[in-house]
C-alpha atoms as a PDB file:
ATOM      1  CA  UNK A   1       0.038  -0.077  -0.032  1.00  0.00           C
ATOM      2  CA  UNK A   2       1.282   3.419  -0.870  1.00  0.00           C
ATOM      3  CA  UNK A   3       2.426   5.866   1.767  1.00  0.00           C
ATOM      4  CA  UNK A   4      -0.119   8.685   2.238  1.00  0.00           C
ATOM      5  CA  UNK A   5       1.105  12.080   1.081  1.00  0.00           C
ATOM      6  CA  UNK A   6       0.872  13.588   4.646  1.00  0.00           C
ATOM      7  CA  UNK A   7       2.934  10.722   6.177  1.00  0.00           C
ATOM      8  CA  UNK A   8       5.919  11.044   3.904  1.00  0.00           C
ATOM      9  CA  UNK A   9       9.189  12.025   5.671  1.00  0.00           C
ATOM     10  CA  UNK A  10      11.097  15.293   5.197  1.00  0.00           C
ATOM     11  CA  UNK A  11      12.914  15.804   1.984  1.00  0.00           C
ATOM     12  CA  UNK A  12      16.218  14.015   1.958  1.00  0.00           C
ATOM     13  CA  UNK A  13      17.274  15.108  -1.632  1.00  0.00           C
ATOM     14  CA  UNK A  14      16.436  18.472  -3.018  1.00  0.00           C
ATOM     15  CA  UNK A  15      17.188  19.295  -6.648  1.00  0.00           C
ATOM     16  CA  UNK A  16      16.842  22.816  -7.893  1.00  0.00           C
ATOM     17  CA  UNK A  17      17.075  24.060 -11.472  1.00  0.00           C
ATOM     18  CA  UNK A  18      19.659  21.415 -12.505  1.00  0.00           C
ATOM     19  CA  UNK A  19      20.744  21.599 -16.217  1.00  0.00           C
ATOM     20  CA  UNK A  20      23.236  19.644 -18.281  1.00  0.00           C
ATOM     21  CA  UNK A  21      24.436  20.274 -21.900  1.00  0.00           C
ATOM     22  CA  UNK A  22      26.491  17.911 -23.980  1.00  0.00           C
ATOM     23  CA  UNK A  23      28.012  20.030 -26.726  1.00  0.00           C
ATOM     24  CA  UNK A  24      25.027  21.366 -28.754  1.00  0.00           C
ATOM     25  CA  UNK A  25      22.471  19.012 -26.951  1.00  0.00           C
ATOM     26  CA  UNK A  26      20.582  20.314 -23.884  1.00  0.00           C
ATOM     27  CA  UNK A  27      20.064  16.901 -22.197  1.00  0.00           C
ATOM     28  CA  UNK A  28      18.538  18.243 -18.917  1.00  0.00           C
ATOM     29  CA  UNK A  29      16.995  21.729 -18.452  1.00  0.00           C
ATOM     30  CA  UNK A  30      16.199  23.286 -15.082  1.00  0.00           C
ATOM     31  CA  UNK A  31      14.923  20.036 -13.464  1.00  0.00           C
ATOM     32  CA  UNK A  32      13.723  20.534  -9.849  1.00  0.00           C
ATOM     33  CA  UNK A  33      12.375  17.888  -7.558  1.00  0.00           C
ATOM     34  CA  UNK A  34      12.212  16.761  -3.869  1.00  0.00           C
ATOM     35  CA  UNK A  35      12.644  13.146  -2.763  1.00  0.00           C
ATOM     36  CA  UNK A  36      11.297  12.353   0.656  1.00  0.00           C
ATOM     37  CA  UNK A  37      12.323   9.795   3.172  1.00  0.00           C
ATOM     38  CA  UNK A  38      10.506   6.526   2.756  1.00  0.00           C
ATOM     39  CA  UNK A  39       9.065   7.569  -0.606  1.00  0.00           C
ATOM     40  CA  UNK A  40       9.231   5.848  -4.010  1.00  0.00           C
ATOM     41  CA  UNK A  41       9.287   8.428  -6.821  1.00  0.00           C
ATOM     42  CA  UNK A  42       8.552   6.883 -10.231  1.00  0.00           C
ATOM     43  CA  UNK A  43      10.081   8.690 -13.259  1.00  0.00           C
ATOM     44  CA  UNK A  44       8.746   8.132 -16.789  1.00  0.00           C
ATOM     45  CA  UNK A  45       9.083   9.632 -20.222  1.00  0.00           C
ATOM     46  CA  UNK A  46      10.150   8.877 -23.799  1.00  0.00           C
ATOM     47  CA  UNK A  47      13.597   7.739 -24.759  1.00  0.00           C
ATOM     48  CA  UNK A  48      15.918  10.851 -24.817  1.00  0.00           C
ATOM     49  CA  UNK A  49      13.868  12.755 -22.275  1.00  0.00           C
ATOM     50  CA  UNK A  50      16.770  13.048 -19.812  1.00  0.00           C
ATOM     51  CA  UNK A  51      15.818  10.492 -17.290  1.00  0.00           C
ATOM     52  CA  UNK A  52      19.182   8.554 -17.131  1.00  0.00           C
ATOM     53  CA  UNK A  53      21.060  11.815 -17.368  1.00  0.00           C
ATOM     54  CA  UNK A  54      19.213  12.996 -14.332  1.00  0.00           C
ATOM     55  CA  UNK A  55      20.313   9.885 -12.472  1.00  0.00           C
ATOM     56  CA  UNK A  56      23.838  10.448 -13.574  1.00  0.00           C
ATOM     57  CA  UNK A  57      23.645  14.021 -12.259  1.00  0.00           C
ATOM     58  CA  UNK A  58      22.190  12.960  -8.942  1.00  0.00           C
ATOM     59  CA  UNK A  59      24.837  10.135  -8.474  1.00  0.00           C
ATOM     60  CA  UNK A  60      27.780  12.271  -9.324  1.00  0.00           C
ATOM     61  CA  UNK A  61      28.552  10.542 -12.626  1.00  0.00           C
ATOM     62  CA  UNK A  62      27.942  13.780 -14.401  1.00  0.00           C
ATOM     63  CA  UNK A  63      28.390  17.375 -13.039  1.00  0.00           C
ATOM     64  CA  UNK A  64      25.634  19.793 -13.816  1.00  0.00           C
ATOM     65  CA  UNK A  65      26.239  22.964 -15.833  1.00  0.00           C
ATOM     66  CA  UNK A  66      24.156  24.728 -13.269  1.00  0.00           C
ATOM     67  CA  UNK A  67      21.855  24.082 -10.363  1.00  0.00           C
ATOM     68  CA  UNK A  68      21.924  22.594  -6.917  1.00  0.00           C
ATOM     69  CA  UNK A  69      21.614  19.046  -5.523  1.00  0.00           C
ATOM     70  CA  UNK A  70      21.431  18.792  -1.785  1.00  0.00           C
ATOM     71  CA  UNK A  71      21.417  15.540   0.242  1.00  0.00           C
ATOM     72  CA  UNK A  72      20.141  16.246   3.774  1.00  0.00           C
ATOM     73  CA  UNK A  73      21.022  19.889   3.161  1.00  0.00           C
ATOM     74  CA  UNK A  74      24.574  19.252   1.987  1.00  0.00           C
ATOM     75  CA  UNK A  75      25.554  20.375  -1.494  1.00  0.00           C
ATOM     76  CA  UNK A  76      26.712  17.304  -3.565  1.00  0.00           C
ATOM     77  CA  UNK A  77      26.257  18.603  -7.096  1.00  0.00           C
ATOM     78  CA  UNK A  78      30.021  18.831  -7.933  1.00  0.00           C
ATOM     79  CA  UNK A  79      31.352  15.912  -5.810  1.00  0.00           C
ATOM     80  CA  UNK A  80      32.640  12.859  -7.650  1.00  0.00           C
ATOM     81  CA  UNK A  81      30.567   9.717  -7.766  1.00  0.00           C
ATOM     82  CA  UNK A  82      32.489   7.773  -5.132  1.00  0.00           C
ATOM     83  CA  UNK A  83      32.077  10.704  -2.680  1.00  0.00           C
ATOM     84  CA  UNK A  84      28.249  10.957  -3.397  1.00  0.00           C
ATOM     85  CA  UNK A  85      28.009   7.159  -2.812  1.00  0.00           C
ATOM     86  CA  UNK A  86      29.907   7.408   0.363  1.00  0.00           C
ATOM     87  CA  UNK A  87      27.426  10.132   1.651  1.00  0.00           C
ATOM     88  CA  UNK A  88      24.463   7.770   1.120  1.00  0.00           C
ATOM     89  CA  UNK A  89      23.314   7.791  -2.572  1.00  0.00           C
ATOM     90  CA  UNK A  90      23.247   4.374  -4.083  1.00  0.00           C
ATOM     91  CA  UNK A  91      22.411   3.531  -7.701  1.00  0.00           C
ATOM     92  CA  UNK A  92      21.682   0.547  -9.916  1.00  0.00           C
ATOM     93  CA  UNK A  93      22.115   0.423 -13.721  1.00  0.00           C
ATOM     94  CA  UNK A  94      19.780  -0.849 -16.501  1.00  0.00           C
ATOM     95  CA  UNK A  95      22.616  -3.292 -17.413  1.00  0.00           C
ATOM     96  CA  UNK A  96      23.763  -4.613 -14.006  1.00  0.00           C
ATOM     97  CA  UNK A  97      27.275  -3.910 -13.029  1.00  0.00           C
ATOM     98  CA  UNK A  98      28.505  -6.769 -11.014  1.00  0.00           C
ATOM     99  CA  UNK A  99      32.095  -8.083 -10.547  1.00  0.00           C
ATOM    100  CA  UNK A 100      31.712 -11.165 -12.758  1.00  0.00           C
ATOM    101  CA  UNK A 101      34.745 -13.140 -11.424  1.00  0.00           C
ATOM    102  CA  UNK A 102      33.617 -12.630  -7.747  1.00  0.00           C
ATOM    103  CA  UNK A 103      30.974 -14.635  -5.821  1.00  0.00           C
ATOM    104  CA  UNK A 104      27.666 -13.148  -4.825  1.00  0.00           C
ATOM    105  CA  UNK A 105      28.985 -12.693  -1.258  1.00  0.00           C
ATOM    106  CA  UNK A 106      32.275 -11.202  -2.425  1.00  0.00           C
ATOM    107  CA  UNK A 107      30.340  -8.614  -4.566  1.00  0.00           C
ATOM    108  CA  UNK A 108      28.732  -7.417  -1.252  1.00  0.00           C
ATOM    109  CA  UNK A 109      32.059  -6.410   0.135  1.00  0.00           C
ATOM    110  CA  UNK A 110      33.467  -4.516  -2.833  1.00  0.00           C
ATOM    111  CA  UNK A 111      32.106  -0.957  -1.846  1.00  0.00           C
ATOM    112  CA  UNK A 112      33.809  -1.047   1.535  1.00  0.00           C
ATOM    113  CA  UNK A 113      36.853  -3.188   0.692  1.00  0.00           C
ATOM    114  CA  UNK A 114      39.231  -0.263   1.638  1.00  0.00           C
ATOM    115  CA  UNK A 115      37.753   0.049   5.130  1.00  0.00           C
ATOM    116  CA  UNK A 116      39.994  -1.881   7.473  1.00  0.00           C
ATOM    117  CA  UNK A 117      37.933  -1.667  10.642  1.00  0.00           C
ATOM    118  CA  UNK A 118      37.064  -5.106  12.006  1.00  0.00           C
ATOM    119  CA  UNK A 119      33.785  -3.679  13.324  1.00  0.00           C
ATOM    120  CA  UNK A 120      32.857  -2.529   9.860  1.00  0.00           C
ATOM    121  CA  UNK A 121      33.834  -5.816   8.270  1.00  0.00           C
ATOM    122  CA  UNK A 122      31.707  -7.773  10.783  1.00  0.00           C
ATOM    123  CA  UNK A 123      28.673  -5.522  10.406  1.00  0.00           C
ATOM    124  CA  UNK A 124      29.008  -5.771   6.565  1.00  0.00           C
ATOM    125  CA  UNK A 125      29.178  -9.465   6.809  1.00  0.00           C
ATOM    126  CA  UNK A 126      25.994  -9.763   8.750  1.00  0.00           C
ATOM    127  CA  UNK A 127      24.133  -7.382   6.395  1.00  0.00           C
ATOM    128  CA  UNK A 128      25.461  -9.108   3.311  1.00  0.00           C
ATOM    129  CA  UNK A 129      23.974 -12.541   4.373  1.00  0.00           C
ATOM    130  CA  UNK A 130      20.815 -10.823   5.397  1.00  0.00           C
ATOM    131  CA  UNK A 131      20.369  -9.065   2.075  1.00  0.00           C
ATOM    132  CA  UNK A 132      21.438 -12.066  -0.073  1.00  0.00           C
ATOM    133  CA  UNK A 133      18.655 -13.969   1.671  1.00  0.00           C
ATOM    134  CA  UNK A 134      16.176 -11.115   1.358  1.00  0.00           C
ATOM    135  CA  UNK A 135      16.603 -11.189  -2.459  1.00  0.00           C
ATOM    136  CA  UNK A 136      16.288 -14.996  -2.646  1.00  0.00           C
ATOM    137  CA  UNK A 137      19.939 -15.704  -3.595  1.00  0.00           C
ATOM    138  CA  UNK A 138      20.860 -17.541  -0.382  1.00  0.00           C
ATOM    139  CA  UNK A 139      21.567 -20.814  -2.204  1.00  0.00           C
ATOM    140  CA  UNK A 140      23.853 -18.982  -4.614  1.00  0.00           C
ATOM    141  CA  UNK A 141      25.868 -17.061  -1.985  1.00  0.00           C
ATOM    142  CA  UNK A 142      29.188 -18.694  -3.172  1.00  0.00           C
ATOM    143  CA  UNK A 143      28.278 -18.820  -6.890  1.00  0.00           C
ATOM    144  CA  UNK A 144      30.414 -16.791  -9.228  1.00  0.00           C
ATOM    145  CA  UNK A 145      28.411 -13.876 -10.590  1.00  0.00           C
ATOM    146  CA  UNK A 146      29.021 -14.512 -14.245  1.00  0.00           C
ATOM    147  CA  UNK A 147      27.220 -17.882 -13.796  1.00  0.00           C
ATOM    148  CA  UNK A 148      23.913 -16.007 -12.874  1.00  0.00           C
ATOM    149  CA  UNK A 149      21.279 -14.807 -15.100  1.00  0.00           C
ATOM    150  CA  UNK A 150      20.792 -11.083 -15.904  1.00  0.00           C
ATOM    151  CA  UNK A 151      17.865 -10.871 -13.455  1.00  0.00           C
ATOM    152  CA  UNK A 152      19.874 -12.443 -10.790  1.00  0.00           C
ATOM    153  CA  UNK A 153      22.675 -10.136 -11.376  1.00  0.00           C
ATOM    154  CA  UNK A 154      20.219  -7.151 -10.896  1.00  0.00           C
ATOM    155  CA  UNK A 155      19.368  -8.779  -7.494  1.00  0.00           C
ATOM    156  CA  UNK A 156      23.015  -8.881  -6.606  1.00  0.00           C
ATOM    157  CA  UNK A 157      23.507  -5.291  -7.610  1.00  0.00           C
ATOM    158  CA  UNK A 158      20.452  -4.166  -5.656  1.00  0.00           C
ATOM    159  CA  UNK A 159      21.546  -6.165  -2.515  1.00  0.00           C
ATOM    160  CA  UNK A 160      25.096  -4.679  -2.733  1.00  0.00           C
ATOM    161  CA  UNK A 161      23.642  -1.115  -2.730  1.00  0.00           C
ATOM    162  CA  UNK A 162      21.328  -1.905   0.173  1.00  0.00           C
ATOM    163  CA  UNK A 163      24.058  -3.543   2.221  1.00  0.00           C
ATOM    164  CA  UNK A 164      25.600  -0.003   2.332  1.00  0.00           C
ATOM    165  CA  UNK A 165      22.448   1.415   4.170  1.00  0.00           C
ATOM    166  CA  UNK A 166      21.854   4.211   1.677  1.00  0.00           C
ATOM    167  CA  UNK A 167      19.667   7.338   2.304  1.00  0.00           C
ATOM    168  CA  UNK A 168      18.644   7.443  -1.415  1.00  0.00           C
ATOM    169  CA  UNK A 169      18.574   4.806  -4.084  1.00  0.00           C
ATOM    170  CA  UNK A 170      18.526   5.709  -7.777  1.00  0.00           C
ATOM    171  CA  UNK A 171      17.367   2.812  -9.998  1.00  0.00           C
ATOM    172  CA  UNK A 172      17.516   2.889 -13.850  1.00  0.00           C
ATOM    173  CA  UNK A 173      15.104   0.430 -15.555  1.00  0.00           C
ATOM    174  CA  UNK A 174      15.241  -2.316 -12.698  1.00  0.00           C
ATOM    175  CA  UNK A 175      12.433  -4.298 -14.301  1.00  0.00           C
ATOM    176  CA  UNK A 176      13.527  -4.367 -17.901  1.00  0.00           C
ATOM    177  CA  UNK A 177      13.983  -7.759 -19.296  1.00  0.00           C
ATOM    178  CA  UNK A 178      13.807  -9.663 -16.018  1.00  0.00           C
ATOM    179  CA  UNK A 179      11.725 -12.704 -14.987  1.00  0.00           C
ATOM    180  CA  UNK A 180       8.511 -11.982 -13.280  1.00  0.00           C
ATOM    181  CA  UNK A 181       9.785 -13.590 -10.092  1.00  0.00           C
ATOM    182  CA  UNK A 182      12.801 -11.272 -10.075  1.00  0.00           C
ATOM    183  CA  UNK A 183      10.398  -8.272 -10.617  1.00  0.00           C
ATOM    184  CA  UNK A 184       8.358  -9.496  -7.613  1.00  0.00           C
ATOM    185  CA  UNK A 185      11.407  -9.651  -5.399  1.00  0.00           C
ATOM    186  CA  UNK A 186      12.611  -6.096  -6.444  1.00  0.00           C
ATOM    187  CA  UNK A 187       9.162  -4.739  -5.948  1.00  0.00           C
ATOM    188  CA  UNK A 188       8.710  -6.293  -2.475  1.00  0.00           C
ATOM    189  CA  UNK A 189      12.126  -5.188  -1.257  1.00  0.00           C
ATOM    190  CA  UNK A 190      11.834  -1.633  -2.656  1.00  0.00           C
ATOM    191  CA  UNK A 191       8.579  -1.236  -0.824  1.00  0.00           C
ATOM    192  CA  UNK A 192       9.719  -2.860   2.324  1.00  0.00           C
ATOM    193  CA  UNK A 193      12.943  -0.643   2.405  1.00  0.00           C
ATOM    194  CA  UNK A 194      10.943   2.485   1.853  1.00  0.00           C
ATOM    195  CA  UNK A 195       8.397   1.765   4.535  1.00  0.00           C
ATOM    196  CA  UNK A 196      10.429  -0.055   7.179  1.00  0.00           C
ATOM    197  CA  UNK A 197      13.957   1.531   6.707  1.00  0.00           C
ATOM    198  CA  UNK A 198      12.878   4.983   5.450  1.00  0.00           C
ATOM    199  CA  UNK A 199      14.995   4.617   2.272  1.00  0.00           C
ATOM    200  CA  UNK A 200      14.039   7.034  -0.581  1.00  0.00           C
ATOM    201  CA  UNK A 201      13.895   5.595  -4.051  1.00  0.00           C
ATOM    202  CA  UNK A 202      13.827   7.213  -7.522  1.00  0.00           C
ATOM    203  CA  UNK A 203      12.893   4.617  -9.932  1.00  0.00           C
ATOM    204  CA  UNK A 204      13.110   5.185 -13.721  1.00  0.00           C
ATOM    205  CA  UNK A 205      11.070   2.637 -15.801  1.00  0.00           C
ATOM    206  CA  UNK A 206       9.192   2.067 -19.076  1.00  0.00           C
ATOM    207  CA  UNK A 207       7.168  -0.583 -17.230  1.00  0.00           C
ATOM    208  CA  UNK A 208       4.435   1.987 -16.503  1.00  0.00           C
ATOM    209  CA  UNK A 209       1.737  -0.192 -14.901  1.00  0.00           C
ATOM    210  CA  UNK A 210       4.373  -1.803 -12.554  1.00  0.00           C
ATOM    211  CA  UNK A 211       5.694   1.573 -11.637  1.00  0.00           C
ATOM    212  CA  UNK A 212       2.262   2.937 -10.908  1.00  0.00           C
ATOM    213  CA  UNK A 213       1.572   0.137  -8.497  1.00  0.00           C
ATOM    214  CA  UNK A 214       5.042   0.675  -6.785  1.00  0.00           C
ATOM    215  CA  UNK A 215       5.297   4.457  -6.591  1.00  0.00           C
ATOM    216  CA  UNK A 216       3.963   7.025  -4.145  1.00  0.00           C
ATOM    217  CA  UNK A 217       4.468   9.880  -6.701  1.00  0.00           C
ATOM    218  CA  UNK A 218       5.185  10.176 -10.291  1.00  0.00           C
ATOM    219  CA  UNK A 219       7.215  12.504 -12.429  1.00  0.00           C
ATOM    220  CA  UNK A 220       7.142  12.558 -16.267  1.00  0.00           C
ATOM    221  CA  UNK A 221      10.007  14.084 -18.203  1.00  0.00           C
ATOM    222  CA  UNK A 222      10.108  15.076 -21.852  1.00  0.00           C
ATOM    223  CA  UNK A 223      12.813  16.902 -23.852  1.00  0.00           C
ATOM    224  CA  UNK A 224      15.028  17.270 -20.710  1.00  0.00           C
ATOM    225  CA  UNK A 225      12.367  18.950 -18.577  1.00  0.00           C
ATOM    226  CA  UNK A 226       9.887  17.905 -15.866  1.00  0.00           C
ATOM    227  CA  UNK A 227       6.576  17.824 -17.688  1.00  0.00           C
ATOM    228  CA  UNK A 228       4.216  16.759 -15.027  1.00  0.00           C
ATOM    229  CA  UNK A 229       4.432  15.686 -11.422  1.00  0.00           C
ATOM    230  CA  UNK A 230       1.783  14.372  -9.103  1.00  0.00           C
ATOM    231  CA  UNK A 231      -0.075  11.213  -8.008  1.00  0.00           C
ATOM    232  CA  UNK A 232       0.870   8.148 -10.418  1.00  0.00           C
ATOM    233  CA  UNK A 233      -2.772   7.888 -11.817  1.00  0.00           C
ATOM    234  CA  UNK A 234      -3.180  11.608 -12.303  1.00  0.00           C
ATOM    235  CA  UNK A 235       0.153  11.909 -14.156  1.00  0.00           C
ATOM    236  CA  UNK A 236      -0.739   9.039 -16.441  1.00  0.00           C
ATOM    237  CA  UNK A 237      -4.082  10.662 -17.201  1.00  0.00           C
ATOM    238  CA  UNK A 238      -2.682  14.014 -17.995  1.00  0.00           C
ATOM    239  CA  UNK A 239      -3.129  15.037 -21.588  1.00  0.00           C
ATOM    240  CA  UNK A 240       0.452  16.266 -21.889  1.00  0.00           C
ATOM    241  CA  UNK A 241       1.781  12.889 -20.788  1.00  0.00           C
ATOM    242  CA  UNK A 242      -0.465  10.960 -23.100  1.00  0.00           C
ATOM    243  CA  UNK A 243       0.670  13.091 -25.993  1.00  0.00           C
ATOM    244  CA  UNK A 244       4.346  13.084 -25.249  1.00  0.00           C
ATOM    245  CA  UNK A 245       4.774   9.500 -24.042  1.00  0.00           C
ATOM    246  CA  UNK A 246       1.929   7.124 -23.448  1.00  0.00           C
ATOM    247  CA  UNK A 247      -0.074   7.564 -26.610  1.00  0.00           C
ATOM    248  CA  UNK A 248      -3.249   6.541 -25.013  1.00  0.00           C
ATOM    249  CA  UNK A 249      -4.720   6.691 -21.509  1.00  0.00           C
ATOM    250  CA  UNK A 250      -3.224   4.048 -19.115  1.00  0.00           C
ATOM    251  CA  UNK A 251      -5.901   1.460 -18.307  1.00  0.00           C
ATOM    252  CA  UNK A 252      -7.138   2.208 -14.858  1.00  0.00           C
ATOM    253  CA  UNK A 253      -5.673   5.634 -14.722  1.00  0.00           C
ATOM    254  CA  UNK A 254      -8.120   8.379 -13.428  1.00  0.00           C
END
């Protein structure tokens, strides 16, 4: 069940007038959004609308030409990706990025491999086993990652992010091309993490009906800008969204 608007937490990520140009192409223009603790924000839009570029900007993979990105009030817009991750922003990719020669368990340790503290290592080991079980890979803990299916690799990548106890998780097409059982696991663990742990999620997906069911709030992008923002069903029923992206009203949308 979705979190009611009045019960959402305070904004943990605040984006104001962020823009990014690549040569003569304006990929993102004056994007502003708030992401609240314990909230799932679904992002939709046509190919080339700036969705993945926005994730790259929020995660530190790209630096904005202008604008502000604040995590818990701290400006992160021009910090490198590893620093942004260290502050609590995790991300997953459309094509999962796992360390193919390492086991599922070893993949969990990579983000903190440089931390020598015995206490940190013990905590990580406990959380790693917990998250491997939560995503249904307990029987594959010691399996090398390149022996897994693409969907299972997405589960490994998601678990590796969650082991780090992020404040915000940015997910790019998590449901694309995966088995329905993998989709169900991701759906359940995103909702559980939002509701029980207070993790904030920004999820980009072309799987619009699934995203409507998952999200508390929706945002549609087109031509690098935020076109419409609001409740998922309302956004999907908006004439501008139908014209720019959906082509026809989504079945069941208001």
